[in-house]
Amino acid sequence: MQKAIKKYFPVFVLPTMIAFTIGFIAPFLLGIYLSFCKFTTVTDAEFIGLGNYIKTLGDAEFIHSLWYTALYTVVTVLLINVLAFAVAMLLTKGIKGTNIFRTVFFMPNLIGGIVLGYVWQLLLNGILANFDRTLTYSEVYGFWGLVILVLWQQVGYMMIIYISGIQNIPGELIEAAKIDGANSWQILKNVTIPMVMPSITICTFLTLTNGFKLFDQNLALTNGAPSKMSELLALNIYNTFYGRAGWEGVGQAKAVEFFILVAIIALIQNKLTRSKEVQQ
């Protein structure tokens, strides 16, 4: 069987590799090249070196969206993971109707980002109307509107991952800790959290990358208003590429910088959290 698998392995892998090359690798490499060009279509690209990257450094809107996105990501990563872990702990205590609660909490993740954006825009603007405000009154309102929306959407998904990690903790560890006189806080700190570090690694990675590349919800909820002050990085790149004539190359350069930034942060986060994992 092993010989047969090795013999026919290239036959089964080749179609997938061809599709992956055509659909991802080739466009990715072309995109890097175009970030060094001035162009309107891929057929009229003119190489200009680092000109596009220099323009990104002088783009005040891009710099603002970078810090705005960084702050948004830090807040959502912390809140989503804390709330998801807390709900997961609650739903692993044998409460009656646990399966129903898990389903209800997970369901918002099944709704598309654009739909969620417009639904929460109506809800939040309806509430803020009582105070003569809207989500587009300032970037602060847009910021917390996005935070509330994403919490509602992603907490349930991360909760499922945390529940899996908590249920995978050997029962004898908890019993041994209780016998040694550990209280609930000590068990949580010294047993539960160290043992669910793999789940924490996964959830932190997902929430971190989701925070940086959020687009649909931002587009539907505020579309960057007022004056692009609530514009996250992904939306800023989109608006640069499609909304500013002659800036296609700059938009592509922003996309490359965006990819490098997210990749570096994700790798650092993954290394830091995985180093704290313990073997079961």
C-alpha atoms as a PDB file:
ATOM      1  CA  MET A   1       0.000   0.000   0.000  1.00  0.00           C
ATOM      2  CA  GLN A   2       2.805   2.430   0.889  1.00  0.00           C
ATOM      3  CA  LYS A   3       4.547   1.741  -2.432  1.00  0.00           C
ATOM      4  CA  ALA A   4       1.301   2.330  -4.330  1.00  0.00           C
ATOM      5  CA  ILE A   5       0.717   5.619  -2.512  1.00  0.00           C
ATOM      6  CA  LYS A   6       4.239   6.832  -3.289  1.00  0.00           C
ATOM      7  CA  LYS A   7       3.879   5.772  -6.917  1.00  0.00           C
ATOM      8  CA  TYR A   8       0.585   7.547  -7.598  1.00  0.00           C
ATOM      9  CA  PHE A   9       1.043  10.443  -5.158  1.00  0.00           C
ATOM     10  CA  PRO A  10       2.130  12.927  -7.904  1.00  0.00           C
ATOM     11  CA  VAL A  11      -0.937  12.034  -9.978  1.00  0.00           C
ATOM     12  CA  PHE A  12      -3.300  13.136  -7.209  1.00  0.00           C
ATOM     13  CA  VAL A  13      -1.239  16.113  -6.043  1.00  0.00           C
ATOM     14  CA  LEU A  14      -0.531  17.588  -9.487  1.00  0.00           C
ATOM     15  CA  PRO A  15      -4.074  18.932 -10.224  1.00  0.00           C
ATOM     16  CA  THR A  16      -4.207  20.646  -6.827  1.00  0.00           C
ATOM     17  CA  MET A  17      -0.725  22.115  -7.258  1.00  0.00           C
ATOM     18  CA  ILE A  18      -1.592  23.433 -10.727  1.00  0.00           C
ATOM     19  CA  ALA A  19      -4.776  25.063  -9.397  1.00  0.00           C
ATOM     20  CA  PHE A  20      -2.892  26.517  -6.402  1.00  0.00           C
ATOM     21  CA  THR A  21      -0.180  27.911  -8.677  1.00  0.00           C
ATOM     22  CA  ILE A  22      -2.666  29.493 -11.089  1.00  0.00           C
ATOM     23  CA  GLY A  23      -5.038  30.762  -8.408  1.00  0.00           C
ATOM     24  CA  PHE A  24      -2.584  31.924  -5.740  1.00  0.00           C
ATOM     25  CA  ILE A  25       1.148  31.797  -6.422  1.00  0.00           C
ATOM     26  CA  ALA A  26       1.080  33.411  -9.889  1.00  0.00           C
ATOM     27  CA  PRO A  27      -1.255  36.308  -8.885  1.00  0.00           C
ATOM     28  CA  PHE A  28       0.730  36.819  -5.673  1.00  0.00           C
ATOM     29  CA  LEU A  29       4.053  37.125  -7.511  1.00  0.00           C
ATOM     30  CA  LEU A  30       2.461  39.336 -10.178  1.00  0.00           C
ATOM     31  CA  GLY A  31       1.051  41.556  -7.435  1.00  0.00           C
ATOM     32  CA  ILE A  32       4.506  42.015  -5.914  1.00  0.00           C
ATOM     33  CA  TYR A  33       5.887  43.018  -9.319  1.00  0.00           C
ATOM     34  CA  LEU A  34       3.017  45.447  -9.947  1.00  0.00           C
ATOM     35  CA  SER A  35       3.697  47.145  -6.617  1.00  0.00           C
ATOM     36  CA  PHE A  36       6.877  48.481  -8.243  1.00  0.00           C
ATOM     37  CA  CYS A  37       4.994  49.707 -11.321  1.00  0.00           C
ATOM     38  CA  LYS A  38       2.686  52.469 -12.454  1.00  0.00           C
ATOM     39  CA  PHE A  39      -0.273  50.884 -14.216  1.00  0.00           C
ATOM     40  CA  THR A  40      -3.989  50.912 -14.898  1.00  0.00           C
ATOM     41  CA  THR A  41      -4.110  47.337 -16.221  1.00  0.00           C
ATOM     42  CA  VAL A  42      -1.572  44.522 -16.057  1.00  0.00           C
ATOM     43  CA  THR A  43      -0.723  45.044 -19.727  1.00  0.00           C
ATOM     44  CA  ASP A  44       0.483  48.651 -19.432  1.00  0.00           C
ATOM     45  CA  ALA A  45       2.638  48.320 -16.308  1.00  0.00           C
ATOM     46  CA  GLU A  46       5.667  50.627 -16.232  1.00  0.00           C
ATOM     47  CA  PHE A  47       8.414  49.841 -13.707  1.00  0.00           C
ATOM     48  CA  ILE A  48       9.123  52.821 -11.428  1.00  0.00           C
ATOM     49  CA  GLY A  49      11.045  51.212  -8.575  1.00  0.00           C
ATOM     50  CA  LEU A  50      10.197  52.207  -5.001  1.00  0.00           C
ATOM     51  CA  GLY A  51       8.039  55.185  -5.989  1.00  0.00           C
ATOM     52  CA  ASN A  52       4.778  53.555  -4.900  1.00  0.00           C
ATOM     53  CA  TYR A  53       6.200  52.552  -1.521  1.00  0.00           C
ATOM     54  CA  ILE A  54       7.493  56.077  -0.919  1.00  0.00           C
ATOM     55  CA  LYS A  55       3.995  57.437  -1.607  1.00  0.00           C
ATOM     56  CA  THR A  56       2.485  55.093   0.978  1.00  0.00           C
ATOM     57  CA  LEU A  57       4.753  56.536   3.667  1.00  0.00           C
ATOM     58  CA  GLY A  58       3.501  60.026   2.873  1.00  0.00           C
ATOM     59  CA  ASP A  59      -0.184  59.037   2.768  1.00  0.00           C
ATOM     60  CA  ALA A  60      -1.759  60.394   5.964  1.00  0.00           C
ATOM     61  CA  GLU A  61      -4.933  58.338   5.427  1.00  0.00           C
ATOM     62  CA  PHE A  62      -2.892  55.134   5.221  1.00  0.00           C
ATOM     63  CA  ILE A  63      -0.919  55.931   8.376  1.00  0.00           C
ATOM     64  CA  HIS A  64      -4.139  56.737  10.243  1.00  0.00           C
ATOM     65  CA  SER A  65      -5.803  53.508   9.078  1.00  0.00           C
ATOM     66  CA  LEU A  66      -2.708  51.574  10.186  1.00  0.00           C
ATOM     67  CA  TRP A  67      -2.874  52.840  13.771  1.00  0.00           C
ATOM     68  CA  TYR A  68      -6.672  52.660  13.787  1.00  0.00           C
ATOM     69  CA  THR A  69      -6.485  49.004  12.694  1.00  0.00           C
ATOM     70  CA  ALA A  70      -3.751  48.193  15.218  1.00  0.00           C
ATOM     71  CA  LEU A  71      -5.844  49.612  18.082  1.00  0.00           C
ATOM     72  CA  TYR A  72      -8.967  47.852  16.825  1.00  0.00           C
ATOM     73  CA  THR A  73      -7.094  44.539  16.573  1.00  0.00           C
ATOM     74  CA  VAL A  74      -5.647  44.766  20.091  1.00  0.00           C
ATOM     75  CA  VAL A  75      -9.084  45.515  21.575  1.00  0.00           C
ATOM     76  CA  THR A  76     -10.909  42.771  19.670  1.00  0.00           C
ATOM     77  CA  VAL A  77      -8.241  40.115  20.262  1.00  0.00           C
ATOM     78  CA  LEU A  78      -8.421  40.703  24.017  1.00  0.00           C
ATOM     79  CA  LEU A  79     -12.204  40.987  24.288  1.00  0.00           C
ATOM     80  CA  ILE A  80     -13.067  38.107  21.946  1.00  0.00           C
ATOM     81  CA  ASN A  81     -10.695  35.668  23.607  1.00  0.00           C
ATOM     82  CA  VAL A  82     -11.606  36.626  27.170  1.00  0.00           C
ATOM     83  CA  LEU A  83     -15.341  36.434  26.496  1.00  0.00           C
ATOM     84  CA  ALA A  84     -15.074  33.236  24.423  1.00  0.00           C
ATOM     85  CA  PHE A  85     -13.001  31.545  27.134  1.00  0.00           C
ATOM     86  CA  ALA A  86     -15.410  32.675  29.863  1.00  0.00           C
ATOM     87  CA  VAL A  87     -18.437  31.367  27.943  1.00  0.00           C
ATOM     88  CA  ALA A  88     -16.608  28.104  27.187  1.00  0.00           C
ATOM     89  CA  MET A  89     -15.827  27.631  30.888  1.00  0.00           C
ATOM     90  CA  LEU A  90     -19.471  28.252  31.732  1.00  0.00           C
ATOM     91  CA  LEU A  91     -20.756  25.819  29.117  1.00  0.00           C
ATOM     92  CA  THR A  92     -18.470  22.997  30.281  1.00  0.00           C
ATOM     93  CA  LYS A  93     -19.944  22.973  33.789  1.00  0.00           C
ATOM     94  CA  GLY A  94     -22.774  20.583  32.862  1.00  0.00           C
ATOM     95  CA  ILE A  95     -25.464  23.271  32.766  1.00  0.00           C
ATOM     96  CA  LYS A  96     -28.817  22.062  31.424  1.00  0.00           C
ATOM     97  CA  GLY A  97     -29.367  23.044  27.780  1.00  0.00           C
ATOM     98  CA  THR A  98     -25.661  23.465  27.080  1.00  0.00           C
ATOM     99  CA  ASN A  99     -25.925  22.177  23.498  1.00  0.00           C
ATOM    100  CA  ILE A 100     -28.643  24.704  22.682  1.00  0.00           C
ATOM    101  CA  PHE A 101     -26.550  27.554  24.077  1.00  0.00           C
ATOM    102  CA  ARG A 102     -23.528  26.424  22.043  1.00  0.00           C
ATOM    103  CA  THR A 103     -25.589  26.443  18.857  1.00  0.00           C
ATOM    104  CA  VAL A 104     -27.074  29.867  19.583  1.00  0.00           C
ATOM    105  CA  PHE A 105     -23.680  31.404  20.334  1.00  0.00           C
ATOM    106  CA  PHE A 106     -22.134  29.879  17.188  1.00  0.00           C
ATOM    107  CA  MET A 107     -24.892  30.873  14.735  1.00  0.00           C
ATOM    108  CA  PRO A 108     -23.826  34.541  14.210  1.00  0.00           C
ATOM    109  CA  ASN A 109     -20.606  33.274  12.645  1.00  0.00           C
ATOM    110  CA  LEU A 110     -22.652  31.779   9.796  1.00  0.00           C
ATOM    111  CA  ILE A 111     -23.933  35.178   8.651  1.00  0.00           C
ATOM    112  CA  GLY A 112     -21.977  37.069   5.993  1.00  0.00           C
ATOM    113  CA  GLY A 113     -20.038  40.188   6.941  1.00  0.00           C
ATOM    114  CA  ILE A 114     -21.893  42.545   4.588  1.00  0.00           C
ATOM    115  CA  VAL A 115     -25.278  41.444   5.936  1.00  0.00           C
ATOM    116  CA  LEU A 116     -24.074  41.787   9.519  1.00  0.00           C
ATOM    117  CA  GLY A 117     -22.735  45.236   8.789  1.00  0.00           C
ATOM    118  CA  TYR A 118     -26.028  46.561   7.480  1.00  0.00           C
ATOM    119  CA  VAL A 119     -28.076  44.875  10.222  1.00  0.00           C
ATOM    120  CA  TRP A 120     -25.918  46.300  13.000  1.00  0.00           C
ATOM    121  CA  GLN A 121     -25.847  49.675  11.257  1.00  0.00           C
ATOM    122  CA  LEU A 122     -29.648  49.835  11.582  1.00  0.00           C
ATOM    123  CA  LEU A 123     -29.585  48.630  15.193  1.00  0.00           C
ATOM    124  CA  LEU A 124     -26.808  50.905  16.437  1.00  0.00           C
ATOM    125  CA  ASN A 125     -27.966  53.970  14.512  1.00  0.00           C
ATOM    126  CA  GLY A 126     -31.437  53.400  15.954  1.00  0.00           C
ATOM    127  CA  ILE A 127     -29.993  53.471  19.477  1.00  0.00           C
ATOM    128  CA  LEU A 128     -27.685  56.433  18.810  1.00  0.00           C
ATOM    129  CA  ALA A 129     -30.561  58.408  17.264  1.00  0.00           C
ATOM    130  CA  ASN A 130     -31.873  58.907  20.795  1.00  0.00           C
ATOM    131  CA  PHE A 131     -28.726  60.936  21.466  1.00  0.00           C
ATOM    132  CA  ASP A 132     -28.731  62.756  18.098  1.00  0.00           C
ATOM    133  CA  ARG A 133     -25.746  60.705  16.957  1.00  0.00           C
ATOM    134  CA  THR A 134     -24.926  58.095  14.286  1.00  0.00           C
ATOM    135  CA  LEU A 135     -22.051  55.694  13.749  1.00  0.00           C
ATOM    136  CA  THR A 136     -20.552  58.174  11.305  1.00  0.00           C
ATOM    137  CA  TYR A 137     -20.586  61.058  13.802  1.00  0.00           C
ATOM    138  CA  SER A 138     -16.940  60.357  14.660  1.00  0.00           C
ATOM    139  CA  GLU A 139     -14.372  57.575  14.314  1.00  0.00           C
ATOM    140  CA  VAL A 140     -14.958  56.674  17.976  1.00  0.00           C
ATOM    141  CA  TYR A 141     -18.560  55.643  17.295  1.00  0.00           C
ATOM    142  CA  GLY A 142     -17.494  53.689  14.219  1.00  0.00           C
ATOM    143  CA  PHE A 143     -14.715  52.008  16.188  1.00  0.00           C
ATOM    144  CA  TRP A 144     -16.925  50.706  18.959  1.00  0.00           C
ATOM    145  CA  GLY A 145     -19.647  49.804  16.483  1.00  0.00           C
ATOM    146  CA  LEU A 146     -17.168  47.535  14.707  1.00  0.00           C
ATOM    147  CA  VAL A 147     -16.001  46.083  18.021  1.00  0.00           C
ATOM    148  CA  ILE A 148     -19.574  45.232  19.090  1.00  0.00           C
ATOM    149  CA  LEU A 149     -20.373  43.710  15.697  1.00  0.00           C
ATOM    150  CA  VAL A 150     -17.262  41.517  15.609  1.00  0.00           C
ATOM    151  CA  LEU A 151     -17.692  40.408  19.220  1.00  0.00           C
ATOM    152  CA  TRP A 152     -21.219  39.261  18.426  1.00  0.00           C
ATOM    153  CA  GLN A 153     -20.011  37.422  15.329  1.00  0.00           C
ATOM    154  CA  GLN A 154     -16.769  35.768  16.489  1.00  0.00           C
ATOM    155  CA  VAL A 155     -17.129  34.986  20.192  1.00  0.00           C
ATOM    156  CA  GLY A 156     -19.237  31.903  19.449  1.00  0.00           C
ATOM    157  CA  TYR A 157     -16.723  30.523  16.964  1.00  0.00           C
ATOM    158  CA  MET A 158     -13.784  30.914  19.338  1.00  0.00           C
ATOM    159  CA  MET A 159     -15.940  29.489  22.133  1.00  0.00           C
ATOM    160  CA  ILE A 160     -16.207  26.181  20.253  1.00  0.00           C
ATOM    161  CA  ILE A 161     -12.412  25.949  20.010  1.00  0.00           C
ATOM    162  CA  TYR A 162     -11.993  26.720  23.708  1.00  0.00           C
ATOM    163  CA  ILE A 163     -14.643  24.155  24.663  1.00  0.00           C
ATOM    164  CA  SER A 164     -12.716  21.524  22.722  1.00  0.00           C
ATOM    165  CA  GLY A 165      -9.516  22.450  24.557  1.00  0.00           C
ATOM    166  CA  ILE A 166     -11.167  22.456  27.997  1.00  0.00           C
ATOM    167  CA  GLN A 167     -12.829  19.088  27.434  1.00  0.00           C
ATOM    168  CA  ASN A 168      -9.456  17.647  26.416  1.00  0.00           C
ATOM    169  CA  ILE A 169      -7.937  18.354  29.859  1.00  0.00           C
ATOM    170  CA  PRO A 170      -7.370  15.051  31.705  1.00  0.00           C
ATOM    171  CA  GLY A 171      -9.800  14.807  34.603  1.00  0.00           C
ATOM    172  CA  GLU A 172      -7.151  13.403  36.920  1.00  0.00           C
ATOM    173  CA  LEU A 173      -5.235  16.699  36.769  1.00  0.00           C
ATOM    174  CA  ILE A 174      -8.225  18.618  38.102  1.00  0.00           C
ATOM    175  CA  GLU A 175      -8.853  15.988  40.775  1.00  0.00           C
ATOM    176  CA  ALA A 176      -5.207  16.029  41.842  1.00  0.00           C
ATOM    177  CA  ALA A 177      -5.275  19.824  42.134  1.00  0.00           C
ATOM    178  CA  LYS A 178      -8.420  19.669  44.298  1.00  0.00           C
ATOM    179  CA  ILE A 179      -6.879  17.021  46.523  1.00  0.00           C
ATOM    180  CA  ASP A 180      -3.830  19.264  46.976  1.00  0.00           C
ATOM    181  CA  GLY A 181      -6.160  21.998  48.221  1.00  0.00           C
ATOM    182  CA  ALA A 182      -6.161  24.270  45.163  1.00  0.00           C
ATOM    183  CA  ASN A 183      -9.100  26.671  44.922  1.00  0.00           C
ATOM    184  CA  SER A 184     -10.988  27.510  41.719  1.00  0.00           C
ATOM    185  CA  TRP A 185      -8.693  30.418  40.813  1.00  0.00           C
ATOM    186  CA  GLN A 186      -5.541  28.339  41.352  1.00  0.00           C
ATOM    187  CA  ILE A 187      -6.940  25.509  39.213  1.00  0.00           C
ATOM    188  CA  LEU A 188      -7.802  27.972  36.457  1.00  0.00           C
ATOM    189  CA  LYS A 189      -4.402  29.671  36.567  1.00  0.00           C
ATOM    190  CA  ASN A 190      -2.127  26.654  37.046  1.00  0.00           C
ATOM    191  CA  VAL A 191      -4.030  23.834  35.330  1.00  0.00           C
ATOM    192  CA  THR A 192      -6.765  24.955  32.949  1.00  0.00           C
ATOM    193  CA  ILE A 193      -5.046  27.845  31.158  1.00  0.00           C
ATOM    194  CA  PRO A 194      -1.699  26.043  30.633  1.00  0.00           C
ATOM    195  CA  MET A 195      -3.519  22.983  29.297  1.00  0.00           C
ATOM    196  CA  VAL A 196      -5.634  24.966  26.808  1.00  0.00           C
ATOM    197  CA  MET A 197      -2.674  26.928  25.422  1.00  0.00           C
ATOM    198  CA  PRO A 198      -3.000  25.162  22.024  1.00  0.00           C
ATOM    199  CA  SER A 199      -6.554  26.509  21.794  1.00  0.00           C
ATOM    200  CA  ILE A 200      -5.348  29.939  22.904  1.00  0.00           C
ATOM    201  CA  THR A 201      -2.704  29.841  20.155  1.00  0.00           C
ATOM    202  CA  ILE A 202      -5.316  29.041  17.502  1.00  0.00           C
ATOM    203  CA  CYS A 203      -7.879  31.574  18.713  1.00  0.00           C
ATOM    204  CA  THR A 204      -5.317  34.338  19.124  1.00  0.00           C
ATOM    205  CA  PHE A 205      -3.996  33.696  15.627  1.00  0.00           C
ATOM    206  CA  LEU A 206      -7.493  33.746  14.113  1.00  0.00           C
ATOM    207  CA  THR A 207      -8.656  36.871  15.934  1.00  0.00           C
ATOM    208  CA  LEU A 208      -5.377  38.652  15.209  1.00  0.00           C
ATOM    209  CA  THR A 209      -5.452  37.996  11.469  1.00  0.00           C
ATOM    210  CA  ASN A 210      -9.215  38.603  11.273  1.00  0.00           C
ATOM    211  CA  GLY A 211      -8.758  41.957  12.989  1.00  0.00           C
ATOM    212  CA  PHE A 212      -6.131  43.166  10.541  1.00  0.00           C
ATOM    213  CA  LYS A 213      -7.904  41.972   7.395  1.00  0.00           C
ATOM    214  CA  LEU A 214     -11.467  42.955   8.339  1.00  0.00           C
ATOM    215  CA  PHE A 215     -13.175  44.444   5.290  1.00  0.00           C
ATOM    216  CA  ASP A 216     -16.827  43.514   4.737  1.00  0.00           C
ATOM    217  CA  GLN A 217     -18.115  44.715   8.080  1.00  0.00           C
ATOM    218  CA  ASN A 218     -16.160  47.969   7.875  1.00  0.00           C
ATOM    219  CA  LEU A 219     -17.505  48.648   4.381  1.00  0.00           C
ATOM    220  CA  ALA A 220     -21.114  48.010   5.344  1.00  0.00           C
ATOM    221  CA  LEU A 221     -21.117  49.622   8.795  1.00  0.00           C
ATOM    222  CA  THR A 222     -19.423  52.993   8.151  1.00  0.00           C
ATOM    223  CA  ASN A 223     -17.581  52.785   4.798  1.00  0.00           C
ATOM    224  CA  GLY A 224     -14.808  54.757   6.513  1.00  0.00           C
ATOM    225  CA  ALA A 225     -16.997  57.734   7.433  1.00  0.00           C
ATOM    226  CA  PRO A 226     -16.573  60.409   8.611  1.00  0.00           C
ATOM    227  CA  SER A 227     -13.869  61.526   6.178  1.00  0.00           C
ATOM    228  CA  LYS A 228     -12.262  58.055   6.152  1.00  0.00           C
ATOM    229  CA  MET A 229     -11.452  58.349   9.852  1.00  0.00           C
ATOM    230  CA  SER A 230     -13.043  54.943  10.614  1.00  0.00           C
ATOM    231  CA  GLU A 231     -11.314  53.252   7.681  1.00  0.00           C
ATOM    232  CA  LEU A 232      -9.420  50.055   8.470  1.00  0.00           C
ATOM    233  CA  LEU A 233      -6.389  48.944   6.455  1.00  0.00           C
ATOM    234  CA  ALA A 234      -8.180  46.575   4.085  1.00  0.00           C
ATOM    235  CA  LEU A 235     -10.780  49.207   3.196  1.00  0.00           C
ATOM    236  CA  ASN A 236      -8.078  51.854   2.763  1.00  0.00           C
ATOM    237  CA  ILE A 237      -6.227  49.611   0.295  1.00  0.00           C
ATOM    238  CA  TYR A 238      -9.457  48.951  -1.610  1.00  0.00           C
ATOM    239  CA  ASN A 239     -10.327  52.651  -1.801  1.00  0.00           C
ATOM    240  CA  THR A 240      -6.787  53.530  -2.888  1.00  0.00           C
ATOM    241  CA  PHE A 241      -6.781  50.982  -5.686  1.00  0.00           C
ATOM    242  CA  TYR A 242     -10.291  51.597  -7.012  1.00  0.00           C
ATOM    243  CA  GLY A 243     -11.070  55.113  -5.815  1.00  0.00           C
ATOM    244  CA  ARG A 244      -7.961  57.149  -6.676  1.00  0.00           C
ATOM    245  CA  ALA A 245      -7.092  57.384 -10.370  1.00  0.00           C
ATOM    246  CA  GLY A 246      -3.433  56.719 -11.059  1.00  0.00           C
ATOM    247  CA  TRP A 247      -2.880  55.203  -7.609  1.00  0.00           C
ATOM    248  CA  GLU A 248      -3.341  51.559  -8.587  1.00  0.00           C
ATOM    249  CA  GLY A 249       0.367  50.892  -8.044  1.00  0.00           C
ATOM    250  CA  VAL A 250       0.237  52.610  -4.655  1.00  0.00           C
ATOM    251  CA  GLY A 251      -2.728  50.467  -3.669  1.00  0.00           C
ATOM    252  CA  GLN A 252      -0.795  47.380  -4.696  1.00  0.00           C
ATOM    253  CA  ALA A 253       2.237  48.533  -2.684  1.00  0.00           C
ATOM    254  CA  LYS A 254      -0.027  49.001   0.350  1.00  0.00           C
ATOM    255  CA  ALA A 255      -1.316  45.452  -0.145  1.00  0.00           C
ATOM    256  CA  VAL A 256       2.222  44.052  -0.137  1.00  0.00           C
ATOM    257  CA  GLU A 257       3.121  46.043   2.994  1.00  0.00           C
ATOM    258  CA  PHE A 258      -0.116  44.837   4.557  1.00  0.00           C
ATOM    259  CA  PHE A 259       0.757  41.201   3.804  1.00  0.00           C
ATOM    260  CA  ILE A 260       4.271  41.542   5.251  1.00  0.00           C
ATOM    261  CA  LEU A 261       2.982  43.286   8.400  1.00  0.00           C
ATOM    262  CA  VAL A 262       0.298  40.681   9.133  1.00  0.00           C
ATOM    263  CA  ALA A 263       2.673  37.793   8.375  1.00  0.00           C
ATOM    264  CA  ILE A 264       5.347  39.123  10.759  1.00  0.00           C
ATOM    265  CA  ILE A 265       2.887  39.813  13.581  1.00  0.00           C
ATOM    266  CA  ALA A 266       1.190  36.428  13.138  1.00  0.00           C
ATOM    267  CA  LEU A 267       4.521  34.574  13.178  1.00  0.00           C
ATOM    268  CA  ILE A 268       5.653  36.388  16.328  1.00  0.00           C
ATOM    269  CA  GLN A 269       2.333  35.721  18.062  1.00  0.00           C
ATOM    270  CA  ASN A 270       2.375  32.070  17.024  1.00  0.00           C
ATOM    271  CA  LYS A 271       5.923  31.602  18.326  1.00  0.00           C
ATOM    272  CA  LEU A 272       5.193  33.313  21.652  1.00  0.00           C
ATOM    273  CA  THR A 273       2.012  31.390  22.418  1.00  0.00           C
ATOM    274  CA  ARG A 274       3.328  28.019  21.222  1.00  0.00           C
ATOM    275  CA  SER A 275       6.346  28.396  23.495  1.00  0.00           C
ATOM    276  CA  LYS A 276       3.968  28.370  26.454  1.00  0.00           C
ATOM    277  CA  GLU A 277       2.184  25.181  25.443  1.00  0.00           C
ATOM    278  CA  VAL A 278       2.649  22.111  27.629  1.00  0.00           C
ATOM    279  CA  GLN A 279       2.664  18.469  26.595  1.00  0.00           C
ATOM    280  CA  GLN A 280      -0.307  16.493  27.832  1.00  0.00           C
END
